[in-house]
Amino acid sequence: KIDEAIDGYVAKFRFGDLCEQEKSAHDFLALAQSFQCIVLTEVPAMNNMLPDVLRRFITLIDALYEARNLVVISSDVSFETLTSVDVRPKAPQSTDDDVEVSIVGTGGSSGRST
């Protein structure tokens, strides 16, 4: 759903209408070919996005970049907050079923203690 548009030049979309809906790279490429400028409003902080939504947002930005489109992003959060993403992997949580195995003092092909 296009909020506003000037034929072939600029189109305005809400973030949710593009990235929170089932859209593909093909959809975003078609959009990039249809308009020279995309205005994207109501963009949330990336840390608050679900993984699928974040993936779609990145795919959208990639498609617009490749087509050399102008992109205007409107958000209620600062640029630093908008773009901060914690990409560190989460530490695995242990369970009671976890078993720690360590082998001490063996070596060589004979398996004798050293």
PDB file of N, CA and C in Angstrom:
ATOM      1  N   LYS A   1       0.847  -1.175   0.000  1.00  0.00           N
ATOM      2  CA  LYS A   1       0.000   0.000   0.000  1.00  0.00           C
ATOM      3  C   LYS A   1       0.892   1.237   0.000  1.00  0.00           C
ATOM      4  N   ILE A   2       0.714   2.084  -0.980  1.00  0.00           N
ATOM      5  CA  ILE A   2       1.464   3.328  -1.090  1.00  0.00           C
ATOM      6  C   ILE A   2       0.679   4.423  -0.381  1.00  0.00           C
ATOM      7  N   ASP A   3       1.315   5.100   0.587  1.00  0.00           N
ATOM      8  CA  ASP A   3       0.646   6.193   1.290  1.00  0.00           C
ATOM      9  C   ASP A   3       0.461   7.396   0.377  1.00  0.00           C
ATOM     10  N   GLU A   4       1.524   7.787  -0.314  1.00  0.00           N
ATOM     11  CA  GLU A   4       1.496   8.903  -1.246  1.00  0.00           C
ATOM     12  C   GLU A   4       2.500   8.613  -2.349  1.00  0.00           C
ATOM     13  N   ALA A   5       2.261   9.173  -3.540  1.00  0.00           N
ATOM     14  CA  ALA A   5       3.212   8.956  -4.634  1.00  0.00           C
ATOM     15  C   ALA A   5       3.124  10.069  -5.659  1.00  0.00           C
ATOM     16  N   ILE A   6       4.255  10.347  -6.270  1.00  0.00           N
ATOM     17  CA  ILE A   6       4.342  11.190  -7.451  1.00  0.00           C
ATOM     18  C   ILE A   6       4.836  10.255  -8.538  1.00  0.00           C
ATOM     19  N   ASP A   7       4.015  10.044  -9.544  1.00  0.00           N
ATOM     20  CA  ASP A   7       4.222   9.018 -10.560  1.00  0.00           C
ATOM     21  C   ASP A   7       5.674   8.895 -11.023  1.00  0.00           C
ATOM     22  N   GLY A   8       6.246   7.727 -10.787  1.00  0.00           N
ATOM     23  CA  GLY A   8       7.583   7.419 -11.260  1.00  0.00           C
ATOM     24  C   GLY A   8       8.719   8.112 -10.530  1.00  0.00           C
ATOM     25  N   TYR A   9       8.395   8.996  -9.600  1.00  0.00           N
ATOM     26  CA  TYR A   9       9.490   9.692  -8.924  1.00  0.00           C
ATOM     27  C   TYR A   9       9.613   9.300  -7.457  1.00  0.00           C
ATOM     28  N   VAL A  10       8.599   9.585  -6.661  1.00  0.00           N
ATOM     29  CA  VAL A  10       8.706   9.343  -5.224  1.00  0.00           C
ATOM     30  C   VAL A  10       7.468   8.617  -4.704  1.00  0.00           C
ATOM     31  N   ALA A  11       7.690   7.710  -3.754  1.00  0.00           N
ATOM     32  CA  ALA A  11       6.590   7.007  -3.092  1.00  0.00           C
ATOM     33  C   ALA A  11       6.870   6.969  -1.600  1.00  0.00           C
ATOM     34  N   LYS A  12       5.808   7.090  -0.828  1.00  0.00           N
ATOM     35  CA  LYS A  12       5.931   7.094   0.630  1.00  0.00           C
ATOM     36  C   LYS A  12       5.222   5.855   1.179  1.00  0.00           C
ATOM     37  N   PHE A  13       5.932   5.128   2.047  1.00  0.00           N
ATOM     38  CA  PHE A  13       5.399   3.910   2.652  1.00  0.00           C
ATOM     39  C   PHE A  13       5.637   3.936   4.153  1.00  0.00           C
ATOM     40  N   ARG A  14       4.742   3.291   4.890  1.00  0.00           N
ATOM     41  CA  ARG A  14       5.007   3.030   6.304  1.00  0.00           C
ATOM     42  C   ARG A  14       5.867   1.773   6.375  1.00  0.00           C
ATOM     43  N   PHE A  15       6.788   1.760   7.300  1.00  0.00           N
ATOM     44  CA  PHE A  15       7.688   0.622   7.497  1.00  0.00           C
ATOM     45  C   PHE A  15       6.911  -0.696   7.578  1.00  0.00           C
ATOM     46  N   GLY A  16       5.867  -0.701   8.391  1.00  0.00           N
ATOM     47  CA  GLY A  16       5.088  -1.919   8.597  1.00  0.00           C
ATOM     48  C   GLY A  16       4.458  -2.458   7.331  1.00  0.00           C
ATOM     49  N   ASP A  17       4.070  -1.566   6.411  1.00  0.00           N
ATOM     50  CA  ASP A  17       3.442  -2.006   5.163  1.00  0.00           C
ATOM     51  C   ASP A  17       4.421  -2.718   4.244  1.00  0.00           C
ATOM     52  N   LEU A  18       5.699  -2.422   4.373  1.00  0.00           N
ATOM     53  CA  LEU A  18       6.699  -3.082   3.527  1.00  0.00           C
ATOM     54  C   LEU A  18       7.415  -4.218   4.236  1.00  0.00           C
ATOM     55  N   CYS A  19       7.828  -3.994   5.467  1.00  0.00           N
ATOM     56  CA  CYS A  19       8.726  -4.947   6.127  1.00  0.00           C
ATOM     57  C   CYS A  19       8.042  -5.899   7.095  1.00  0.00           C
ATOM     58  N   GLU A  20       6.851  -5.575   7.531  1.00  0.00           N
ATOM     59  CA  GLU A  20       6.150  -6.471   8.447  1.00  0.00           C
ATOM     60  C   GLU A  20       5.137  -7.344   7.719  1.00  0.00           C
ATOM     61  N   GLN A  21       5.083  -7.230   6.415  1.00  0.00           N
ATOM     62  CA  GLN A  21       4.214  -8.039   5.564  1.00  0.00           C
ATOM     63  C   GLN A  21       5.076  -9.036   4.792  1.00  0.00           C
ATOM     64  N   GLU A  22       4.451 -10.068   4.271  1.00  0.00           N
ATOM     65  CA  GLU A  22       5.177 -11.071   3.481  1.00  0.00           C
ATOM     66  C   GLU A  22       5.576 -10.468   2.137  1.00  0.00           C
ATOM     67  N   LYS A  23       6.791  -9.950   2.058  1.00  0.00           N
ATOM     68  CA  LYS A  23       7.334  -9.378   0.825  1.00  0.00           C
ATOM     69  C   LYS A  23       8.640 -10.088   0.512  1.00  0.00           C
ATOM     70  N   SER A  24       8.976 -10.126  -0.767  1.00  0.00           N
ATOM     71  CA  SER A  24      10.210 -10.791  -1.183  1.00  0.00           C
ATOM     72  C   SER A  24      11.157  -9.792  -1.827  1.00  0.00           C
ATOM     73  N   ALA A  25      12.361 -10.242  -2.108  1.00  0.00           N
ATOM     74  CA  ALA A  25      13.331  -9.395  -2.810  1.00  0.00           C
ATOM     75  C   ALA A  25      12.762  -8.963  -4.157  1.00  0.00           C
ATOM     76  N   HIS A  26      12.014  -9.850  -4.807  1.00  0.00           N
ATOM     77  CA  HIS A  26      11.394  -9.523  -6.095  1.00  0.00           C
ATOM     78  C   HIS A  26      10.447  -8.322  -5.959  1.00  0.00           C
ATOM     79  N   ASP A  27       9.658  -8.296  -4.884  1.00  0.00           N
ATOM     80  CA  ASP A  27       8.751  -7.165  -4.627  1.00  0.00           C
ATOM     81  C   ASP A  27       9.540  -5.871  -4.464  1.00  0.00           C
ATOM     82  N   PHE A  28      10.639  -5.949  -3.718  1.00  0.00           N
ATOM     83  CA  PHE A  28      11.437  -4.752  -3.464  1.00  0.00           C
ATOM     84  C   PHE A  28      12.159  -4.280  -4.719  1.00  0.00           C
ATOM     85  N   LEU A  29      12.602  -5.211  -5.568  1.00  0.00           N
ATOM     86  CA  LEU A  29      13.241  -4.833  -6.827  1.00  0.00           C
ATOM     87  C   LEU A  29      12.250  -4.128  -7.749  1.00  0.00           C
ATOM     88  N   ALA A  30      11.020  -4.632  -7.798  1.00  0.00           N
ATOM     89  CA  ALA A  30       9.979  -3.989  -8.615  1.00  0.00           C
ATOM     90  C   ALA A  30       9.690  -2.581  -8.100  1.00  0.00           C
ATOM     91  N   LEU A  31       9.664  -2.424  -6.798  1.00  0.00           N
ATOM     92  CA  LEU A  31       9.452  -1.108  -6.192  1.00  0.00           C
ATOM     93  C   LEU A  31      10.598  -0.163  -6.552  1.00  0.00           C
ATOM     94  N   ALA A  32      11.819  -0.658  -6.483  1.00  0.00           N
ATOM     95  CA  ALA A  32      12.994   0.157  -6.802  1.00  0.00           C
ATOM     96  C   ALA A  32      12.992   0.597  -8.259  1.00  0.00           C
ATOM     97  N   GLN A  33      12.470  -0.244  -9.140  1.00  0.00           N
ATOM     98  CA  GLN A  33      12.407   0.105 -10.555  1.00  0.00           C
ATOM     99  C   GLN A  33      11.271   1.070 -10.864  1.00  0.00           C
ATOM    100  N   SER A  34      10.282   1.157  -9.981  1.00  0.00           N
ATOM    101  CA  SER A  34       9.108   1.991 -10.229  1.00  0.00           C
ATOM    102  C   SER A  34       9.268   3.434  -9.766  1.00  0.00           C
ATOM    103  N   PHE A  35      10.158   3.653  -8.787  1.00  0.00           N
ATOM    104  CA  PHE A  35      10.317   4.992  -8.208  1.00  0.00           C
ATOM    105  C   PHE A  35      11.792   5.320  -8.043  1.00  0.00           C
ATOM    106  N   GLN A  36      12.130   6.597  -8.153  1.00  0.00           N
ATOM    107  CA  GLN A  36      13.507   7.041  -7.952  1.00  0.00           C
ATOM    108  C   GLN A  36      13.803   7.305  -6.480  1.00  0.00           C
ATOM    109  N   CYS A  37      12.758   7.632  -5.721  1.00  0.00           N
ATOM    110  CA  CYS A  37      12.921   7.976  -4.302  1.00  0.00           C
ATOM    111  C   CYS A  37      11.857   7.256  -3.483  1.00  0.00           C
ATOM    112  N   ILE A  38      12.286   6.658  -2.387  1.00  0.00           N
ATOM    113  CA  ILE A  38      11.368   5.991  -1.466  1.00  0.00           C
ATOM    114  C   ILE A  38      11.472   6.678  -0.109  1.00  0.00           C
ATOM    115  N   VAL A  39      10.321   7.093   0.412  1.00  0.00           N
ATOM    116  CA  VAL A  39      10.251   7.662   1.761  1.00  0.00           C
ATOM    117  C   VAL A  39       9.652   6.574   2.641  1.00  0.00           C
ATOM    118  N   LEU A  40      10.386   6.196   3.671  1.00  0.00           N
ATOM    119  CA  LEU A  40       9.957   5.141   4.585  1.00  0.00           C
ATOM    120  C   LEU A  40       9.732   5.752   5.960  1.00  0.00           C
ATOM    121  N   THR A  41       8.495   5.691   6.450  1.00  0.00           N
ATOM    122  CA  THR A  41       8.150   6.320   7.722  1.00  0.00           C
ATOM    123  C   THR A  41       7.938   5.268   8.811  1.00  0.00           C
ATOM    124  N   GLU A  42       7.935   5.740  10.052  1.00  0.00           N
ATOM    125  CA  GLU A  42       7.663   4.909  11.234  1.00  0.00           C
ATOM    126  C   GLU A  42       8.639   3.735  11.370  1.00  0.00           C
ATOM    127  N   VAL A  43       9.918   3.983  11.065  1.00  0.00           N
ATOM    128  CA  VAL A  43      10.932   2.925  11.158  1.00  0.00           C
ATOM    129  C   VAL A  43      11.341   2.761  12.620  1.00  0.00           C
ATOM    130  N   PRO A  44      11.200   1.555  13.175  1.00  0.00           N
ATOM    131  CA  PRO A  44      11.588   1.322  14.571  1.00  0.00           C
ATOM    132  C   PRO A  44      13.084   1.058  14.692  1.00  0.00           C
ATOM    133  N   ALA A  45      13.565   1.043  15.922  1.00  0.00           N
ATOM    134  CA  ALA A  45      14.966   0.682  16.177  1.00  0.00           C
ATOM    135  C   ALA A  45      15.186  -0.760  15.748  1.00  0.00           C
ATOM    136  N   MET A  46      16.332  -1.032  15.153  1.00  0.00           N
ATOM    137  CA  MET A  46      16.618  -2.371  14.640  1.00  0.00           C
ATOM    138  C   MET A  46      16.642  -3.420  15.737  1.00  0.00           C
ATOM    139  N   ASN A  47      17.072  -3.045  16.935  1.00  0.00           N
ATOM    140  CA  ASN A  47      17.102  -4.005  18.046  1.00  0.00           C
ATOM    141  C   ASN A  47      15.707  -4.476  18.429  1.00  0.00           C
ATOM    142  N   ASN A  48      14.669  -3.711  18.057  1.00  0.00           N
ATOM    143  CA  ASN A  48      13.299  -4.083  18.403  1.00  0.00           C
ATOM    144  C   ASN A  48      12.599  -4.875  17.303  1.00  0.00           C
ATOM    145  N   MET A  49      13.292  -5.126  16.194  1.00  0.00           N
ATOM    146  CA  MET A  49      12.682  -5.834  15.066  1.00  0.00           C
ATOM    147  C   MET A  49      12.803  -7.343  15.235  1.00  0.00           C
ATOM    148  N   LEU A  50      11.764  -8.041  14.827  1.00  0.00           N
ATOM    149  CA  LEU A  50      11.841  -9.499  14.758  1.00  0.00           C
ATOM    150  C   LEU A  50      12.823  -9.869  13.656  1.00  0.00           C
ATOM    151  N   PRO A  51      13.470 -11.018  13.744  1.00  0.00           N
ATOM    152  CA  PRO A  51      14.474 -11.398  12.738  1.00  0.00           C
ATOM    153  C   PRO A  51      13.964 -11.348  11.293  1.00  0.00           C
ATOM    154  N   ASP A  52      12.744 -11.832  11.029  1.00  0.00           N
ATOM    155  CA  ASP A  52      12.209 -11.795   9.663  1.00  0.00           C
ATOM    156  C   ASP A  52      11.985 -10.371   9.188  1.00  0.00           C
ATOM    157  N   VAL A  53      11.536  -9.507  10.082  1.00  0.00           N
ATOM    158  CA  VAL A  53      11.301  -8.103   9.743  1.00  0.00           C
ATOM    159  C   VAL A  53      12.633  -7.413   9.448  1.00  0.00           C
ATOM    160  N   LEU A  54      13.628  -7.672  10.261  1.00  0.00           N
ATOM    161  CA  LEU A  54      14.958  -7.098  10.040  1.00  0.00           C
ATOM    162  C   LEU A  54      15.532  -7.579   8.710  1.00  0.00           C
ATOM    163  N   ARG A  55      15.364  -8.868   8.411  1.00  0.00           N
ATOM    164  CA  ARG A  55      15.839  -9.415   7.140  1.00  0.00           C
ATOM    165  C   ARG A  55      15.165  -8.725   5.955  1.00  0.00           C
ATOM    166  N   ARG A  56      13.844  -8.505   6.053  1.00  0.00           N
ATOM    167  CA  ARG A  56      13.137  -7.816   4.965  1.00  0.00           C
ATOM    168  C   ARG A  56      13.618  -6.381   4.826  1.00  0.00           C
ATOM    169  N   PHE A  57      13.844  -5.709   5.941  1.00  0.00           N
ATOM    170  CA  PHE A  57      14.327  -4.322   5.901  1.00  0.00           C
ATOM    171  C   PHE A  57      15.687  -4.261   5.209  1.00  0.00           C
ATOM    172  N   ILE A  58      16.576  -5.157   5.559  1.00  0.00           N
ATOM    173  CA  ILE A  58      17.900  -5.198   4.936  1.00  0.00           C
ATOM    174  C   ILE A  58      17.774  -5.501   3.436  1.00  0.00           C
ATOM    175  N   THR A  59      16.890  -6.428   3.090  1.00  0.00           N
ATOM    176  CA  THR A  59      16.666  -6.764   1.678  1.00  0.00           C
ATOM    177  C   THR A  59      16.120  -5.558   0.917  1.00  0.00           C
ATOM    178  N   LEU A  60      15.203  -4.832   1.537  1.00  0.00           N
ATOM    179  CA  LEU A  60      14.657  -3.610   0.922  1.00  0.00           C
ATOM    180  C   LEU A  60      15.763  -2.593   0.680  1.00  0.00           C
ATOM    181  N   ILE A  61      16.566  -2.322   1.689  1.00  0.00           N
ATOM    182  CA  ILE A  61      17.644  -1.340   1.557  1.00  0.00           C
ATOM    183  C   ILE A  61      18.650  -1.801   0.499  1.00  0.00           C
ATOM    184  N   ASP A  62      18.963  -3.087   0.461  1.00  0.00           N
ATOM    185  CA  ASP A  62      19.867  -3.622  -0.564  1.00  0.00           C
ATOM    186  C   ASP A  62      19.310  -3.390  -1.967  1.00  0.00           C
ATOM    187  N   ALA A  63      18.020  -3.673  -2.159  1.00  0.00           N
ATOM    188  CA  ALA A  63      17.394  -3.502  -3.480  1.00  0.00           C
ATOM    189  C   ALA A  63      17.410  -2.033  -3.894  1.00  0.00           C
ATOM    190  N   LEU A  64      17.121  -1.147  -2.963  1.00  0.00           N
ATOM    191  CA  LEU A  64      17.114   0.286  -3.273  1.00  0.00           C
ATOM    192  C   LEU A  64      18.526   0.784  -3.551  1.00  0.00           C
ATOM    193  N   TYR A  65      19.492   0.275  -2.816  1.00  0.00           N
ATOM    194  CA  TYR A  65      20.889   0.656  -3.033  1.00  0.00           C
ATOM    195  C   TYR A  65      21.363   0.213  -4.419  1.00  0.00           C
ATOM    196  N   GLU A  66      21.078  -1.051  -4.753  1.00  0.00           N
ATOM    197  CA  GLU A  66      21.502  -1.585  -6.043  1.00  0.00           C
ATOM    198  C   GLU A  66      20.893  -0.804  -7.203  1.00  0.00           C
ATOM    199  N   ALA A  67      19.658  -0.325  -7.022  1.00  0.00           N
ATOM    200  CA  ALA A  67      18.982   0.437  -8.076  1.00  0.00           C
ATOM    201  C   ALA A  67      19.353   1.931  -8.020  1.00  0.00           C
ATOM    202  N   ARG A  68      20.208   2.280  -7.063  1.00  0.00           N
ATOM    203  CA  ARG A  68      20.655   3.668  -6.882  1.00  0.00           C
ATOM    204  C   ARG A  68      19.512   4.629  -6.585  1.00  0.00           C
ATOM    205  N   ASN A  69      18.547   4.137  -5.800  1.00  0.00           N
ATOM    206  CA  ASN A  69      17.424   4.967  -5.383  1.00  0.00           C
ATOM    207  C   ASN A  69      17.818   5.873  -4.226  1.00  0.00           C
ATOM    208  N   LEU A  70      17.140   6.981  -4.135  1.00  0.00           N
ATOM    209  CA  LEU A  70      17.254   7.851  -2.969  1.00  0.00           C
ATOM    210  C   LEU A  70      16.306   7.297  -1.916  1.00  0.00           C
ATOM    211  N   VAL A  71      16.775   7.195  -0.674  1.00  0.00           N
ATOM    212  CA  VAL A  71      15.950   6.663   0.407  1.00  0.00           C
ATOM    213  C   VAL A  71      15.907   7.693   1.529  1.00  0.00           C
ATOM    214  N   VAL A  72      14.702   8.006   1.973  1.00  0.00           N
ATOM    215  CA  VAL A  72      14.502   8.911   3.103  1.00  0.00           C
ATOM    216  C   VAL A  72      13.829   8.092   4.193  1.00  0.00           C
ATOM    217  N   ILE A  73      14.440   8.083   5.387  1.00  0.00           N
ATOM    218  CA  ILE A  73      13.905   7.298   6.502  1.00  0.00           C
ATOM    219  C   ILE A  73      13.458   8.242   7.610  1.00  0.00           C
ATOM    220  N   SER A  74      12.233   8.035   8.063  1.00  0.00           N
ATOM    221  CA  SER A  74      11.678   8.821   9.159  1.00  0.00           C
ATOM    222  C   SER A  74      11.446   7.885  10.344  1.00  0.00           C
ATOM    223  N   SER A  75      11.923   8.313  11.522  1.00  0.00           N
ATOM    224  CA  SER A  75      11.808   7.477  12.713  1.00  0.00           C
ATOM    225  C   SER A  75      11.656   8.356  13.944  1.00  0.00           C
ATOM    226  N   ASP A  76      11.031   7.811  14.969  1.00  0.00           N
ATOM    227  CA  ASP A  76      10.901   8.525  16.241  1.00  0.00           C
ATOM    228  C   ASP A  76      12.122   8.345  17.130  1.00  0.00           C
ATOM    229  N   VAL A  77      13.072   7.504  16.717  1.00  0.00           N
ATOM    230  CA  VAL A  77      14.275   7.258  17.509  1.00  0.00           C
ATOM    231  C   VAL A  77      15.480   7.905  16.837  1.00  0.00           C
ATOM    232  N   SER A  78      16.531   8.139  17.599  1.00  0.00           N
ATOM    233  CA  SER A  78      17.751   8.748  17.052  1.00  0.00           C
ATOM    234  C   SER A  78      18.418   7.791  16.068  1.00  0.00           C
ATOM    235  N   PHE A  79      19.288   8.329  15.234  1.00  0.00           N
ATOM    236  CA  PHE A  79      19.998   7.505  14.257  1.00  0.00           C
ATOM    237  C   PHE A  79      20.807   6.423  14.949  1.00  0.00           C
ATOM    238  N   GLU A  80      21.479   6.770  16.048  1.00  0.00           N
ATOM    239  CA  GLU A  80      22.291   5.799  16.776  1.00  0.00           C
ATOM    240  C   GLU A  80      21.422   4.661  17.311  1.00  0.00           C
ATOM    241  N   THR A  81      20.262   4.993  17.848  1.00  0.00           N
ATOM    242  CA  THR A  81      19.353   3.967  18.364  1.00  0.00           C
ATOM    243  C   THR A  81      18.761   3.161  17.222  1.00  0.00           C
ATOM    244  N   LEU A  82      18.430   3.843  16.145  1.00  0.00           N
ATOM    245  CA  LEU A  82      17.844   3.188  14.976  1.00  0.00           C
ATOM    246  C   LEU A  82      18.756   2.106  14.425  1.00  0.00           C
ATOM    247  N   THR A  83      20.049   2.396  14.366  1.00  0.00           N
ATOM    248  CA  THR A  83      20.988   1.489  13.699  1.00  0.00           C
ATOM    249  C   THR A  83      21.749   0.569  14.625  1.00  0.00           C
ATOM    250  N   SER A  84      21.524   0.631  15.930  1.00  0.00           N
ATOM    251  CA  SER A  84      22.288  -0.246  16.822  1.00  0.00           C
ATOM    252  C   SER A  84      21.637  -1.624  16.865  1.00  0.00           C
ATOM    253  N   VAL A  85      22.446  -2.618  16.583  1.00  0.00           N
ATOM    254  CA  VAL A  85      21.993  -4.007  16.610  1.00  0.00           C
ATOM    255  C   VAL A  85      23.028  -4.808  17.376  1.00  0.00           C
ATOM    256  N   ASP A  86      22.577  -5.587  18.321  1.00  0.00           N
ATOM    257  CA  ASP A  86      23.462  -6.458  19.077  1.00  0.00           C
ATOM    258  C   ASP A  86      23.586  -7.765  18.304  1.00  0.00           C
ATOM    259  N   VAL A  87      24.734  -7.971  17.668  1.00  0.00           N
ATOM    260  CA  VAL A  87      24.920  -9.159  16.839  1.00  0.00           C
ATOM    261  C   VAL A  87      25.733 -10.249  17.540  1.00  0.00           C
ATOM    262  N   ARG A  88      26.041 -10.036  18.795  1.00  0.00           N
ATOM    263  CA  ARG A  88      26.785 -11.062  19.523  1.00  0.00           C
ATOM    264  C   ARG A  88      25.907 -12.297  19.714  1.00  0.00           C
ATOM    265  N   PRO A  89      26.466 -13.470  19.468  1.00  0.00           N
ATOM    266  CA  PRO A  89      25.664 -14.681  19.686  1.00  0.00           C
ATOM    267  C   PRO A  89      25.382 -14.852  21.170  1.00  0.00           C
ATOM    268  N   LYS A  90      24.215 -15.348  21.457  1.00  0.00           N
ATOM    269  CA  LYS A  90      23.850 -15.596  22.850  1.00  0.00           C
ATOM    270  C   LYS A  90      24.559 -16.848  23.338  1.00  0.00           C
ATOM    271  N   ALA A  91      25.006 -16.811  24.583  1.00  0.00           N
ATOM    272  CA  ALA A  91      25.678 -17.967  25.173  1.00  0.00           C
ATOM    273  C   ALA A  91      24.666 -19.096  25.333  1.00  0.00           C
ATOM    274  N   PRO A  92      25.072 -20.305  24.999  1.00  0.00           N
ATOM    275  CA  PRO A  92      24.135 -21.423  25.168  1.00  0.00           C
ATOM    276  C   PRO A  92      23.818 -21.618  26.645  1.00  0.00           C
ATOM    277  N   GLN A  93      22.601 -21.970  26.915  1.00  0.00           N
ATOM    278  CA  GLN A  93      22.201 -22.209  28.291  1.00  0.00           C
ATOM    279  C   GLN A  93      22.387 -23.684  28.596  1.00  0.00           C
ATOM    280  N   SER A  94      22.920 -23.952  29.775  1.00  0.00           N
ATOM    281  CA  SER A  94      23.141 -25.352  30.131  1.00  0.00           C
ATOM    282  C   SER A  94      21.864 -25.939  30.701  1.00  0.00           C
ATOM    283  N   THR A  95      21.771 -27.238  30.560  1.00  0.00           N
ATOM    284  CA  THR A  95      20.641 -27.961  31.129  1.00  0.00           C
ATOM    285  C   THR A  95      21.192 -29.048  32.035  1.00  0.00           C
ATOM    286  N   ASP A  96      20.327 -29.663  32.774  1.00  0.00           N
ATOM    287  CA  ASP A  96      20.753 -30.741  33.663  1.00  0.00           C
ATOM    288  C   ASP A  96      21.293 -31.937  32.872  1.00  0.00           C
ATOM    289  N   ASP A  97      20.948 -32.036  31.600  1.00  0.00           N
ATOM    290  CA  ASP A  97      21.394 -33.143  30.772  1.00  0.00           C
ATOM    291  C   ASP A  97      22.807 -32.949  30.231  1.00  0.00           C
ATOM    292  N   ASP A  98      23.376 -31.729  30.381  1.00  0.00           N
ATOM    293  CA  ASP A  98      24.714 -31.463  29.874  1.00  0.00           C
ATOM    294  C   ASP A  98      25.732 -32.272  30.670  1.00  0.00           C
ATOM    295  N   VAL A  99      26.689 -32.844  29.966  1.00  0.00           N
ATOM    296  CA  VAL A  99      27.741 -33.627  30.587  1.00  0.00           C
ATOM    297  C   VAL A  99      29.066 -33.022  30.182  1.00  0.00           C
ATOM    298  N   GLU A 100      29.926 -32.760  31.151  1.00  0.00           N
ATOM    299  CA  GLU A 100      31.255 -32.236  30.856  1.00  0.00           C
ATOM    300  C   GLU A 100      32.233 -33.392  30.884  1.00  0.00           C
ATOM    301  N   VAL A 101      32.990 -33.520  29.825  1.00  0.00           N
ATOM    302  CA  VAL A 101      33.955 -34.608  29.726  1.00  0.00           C
ATOM    303  C   VAL A 101      35.338 -34.000  29.633  1.00  0.00           C
ATOM    304  N   SER A 102      36.270 -34.494  30.440  1.00  0.00           N
ATOM    305  CA  SER A 102      37.652 -34.057  30.321  1.00  0.00           C
ATOM    306  C   SER A 102      38.548 -35.283  30.476  1.00  0.00           C
ATOM    307  N   ILE A 103      39.587 -35.289  29.670  1.00  0.00           N
ATOM    308  CA  ILE A 103      40.546 -36.394  29.729  1.00  0.00           C
ATOM    309  C   ILE A 103      41.863 -35.817  30.212  1.00  0.00           C
ATOM    310  N   VAL A 104      42.340 -36.340  31.326  1.00  0.00           N
ATOM    311  CA  VAL A 104      43.550 -35.821  31.934  1.00  0.00           C
ATOM    312  C   VAL A 104      44.597 -36.919  32.023  1.00  0.00           C
ATOM    313  N   GLY A 105      45.832 -36.585  31.657  1.00  0.00           N
ATOM    314  CA  GLY A 105      46.942 -37.481  31.887  1.00  0.00           C
ATOM    315  C   GLY A 105      47.082 -38.635  30.932  1.00  0.00           C
ATOM    316  N   THR A 106      46.415 -38.671  29.812  1.00  0.00           N
ATOM    317  CA  THR A 106      46.613 -39.747  28.859  1.00  0.00           C
ATOM    318  C   THR A 106      47.229 -39.156  27.597  1.00  0.00           C
ATOM    319  N   GLY A 107      47.905 -39.966  26.881  1.00  0.00           N
ATOM    320  CA  GLY A 107      48.484 -39.478  25.642  1.00  0.00           C
ATOM    321  C   GLY A 107      49.178 -40.605  24.910  1.00  0.00           C
ATOM    322  N   GLY A 108      49.615 -40.311  23.722  1.00  0.00           N
ATOM    323  CA  GLY A 108      50.281 -41.321  22.921  1.00  0.00           C
ATOM    324  C   GLY A 108      49.308 -42.356  22.424  1.00  0.00           C
ATOM    325  N   SER A 109      49.836 -43.270  21.634  1.00  0.00           N
ATOM    326  CA  SER A 109      48.947 -44.291  21.038  1.00  0.00           C
ATOM    327  C   SER A 109      48.655 -45.426  22.000  1.00  0.00           C
ATOM    328  N   SER A 110      49.453 -45.561  23.087  1.00  0.00           N
ATOM    329  CA  SER A 110      49.225 -46.680  24.015  1.00  0.00           C
ATOM    330  C   SER A 110      48.114 -46.389  25.000  1.00  0.00           C
ATOM    331  N   GLY A 111      47.799 -45.108  25.191  1.00  0.00           N
ATOM    332  CA  GLY A 111      46.741 -44.755  26.141  1.00  0.00           C
ATOM    333  C   GLY A 111      47.183 -44.822  27.573  1.00  0.00           C
ATOM    334  N   ARG A 112      48.490 -45.025  27.814  1.00  0.00           N
ATOM    335  CA  ARG A 112      48.996 -45.076  29.188  1.00  0.00           C
ATOM    336  C   ARG A 112      48.985 -43.696  29.800  1.00  0.00           C
ATOM    337  N   SER A 113      48.795 -43.631  31.103  1.00  0.00           N
ATOM    338  CA  SER A 113      48.845 -42.362  31.825  1.00  0.00           C
ATOM    339  C   SER A 113      50.241 -41.808  31.797  1.00  0.00           C
ATOM    340  N   THR A 114      50.333 -40.483  31.759  1.00  0.00           N
ATOM    341  CA  THR A 114      51.651 -39.848  31.769  1.00  0.00           C
ATOM    342  C   THR A 114      51.887 -39.116  33.061  1.00  0.00           C
TER     343      THR A 114
END
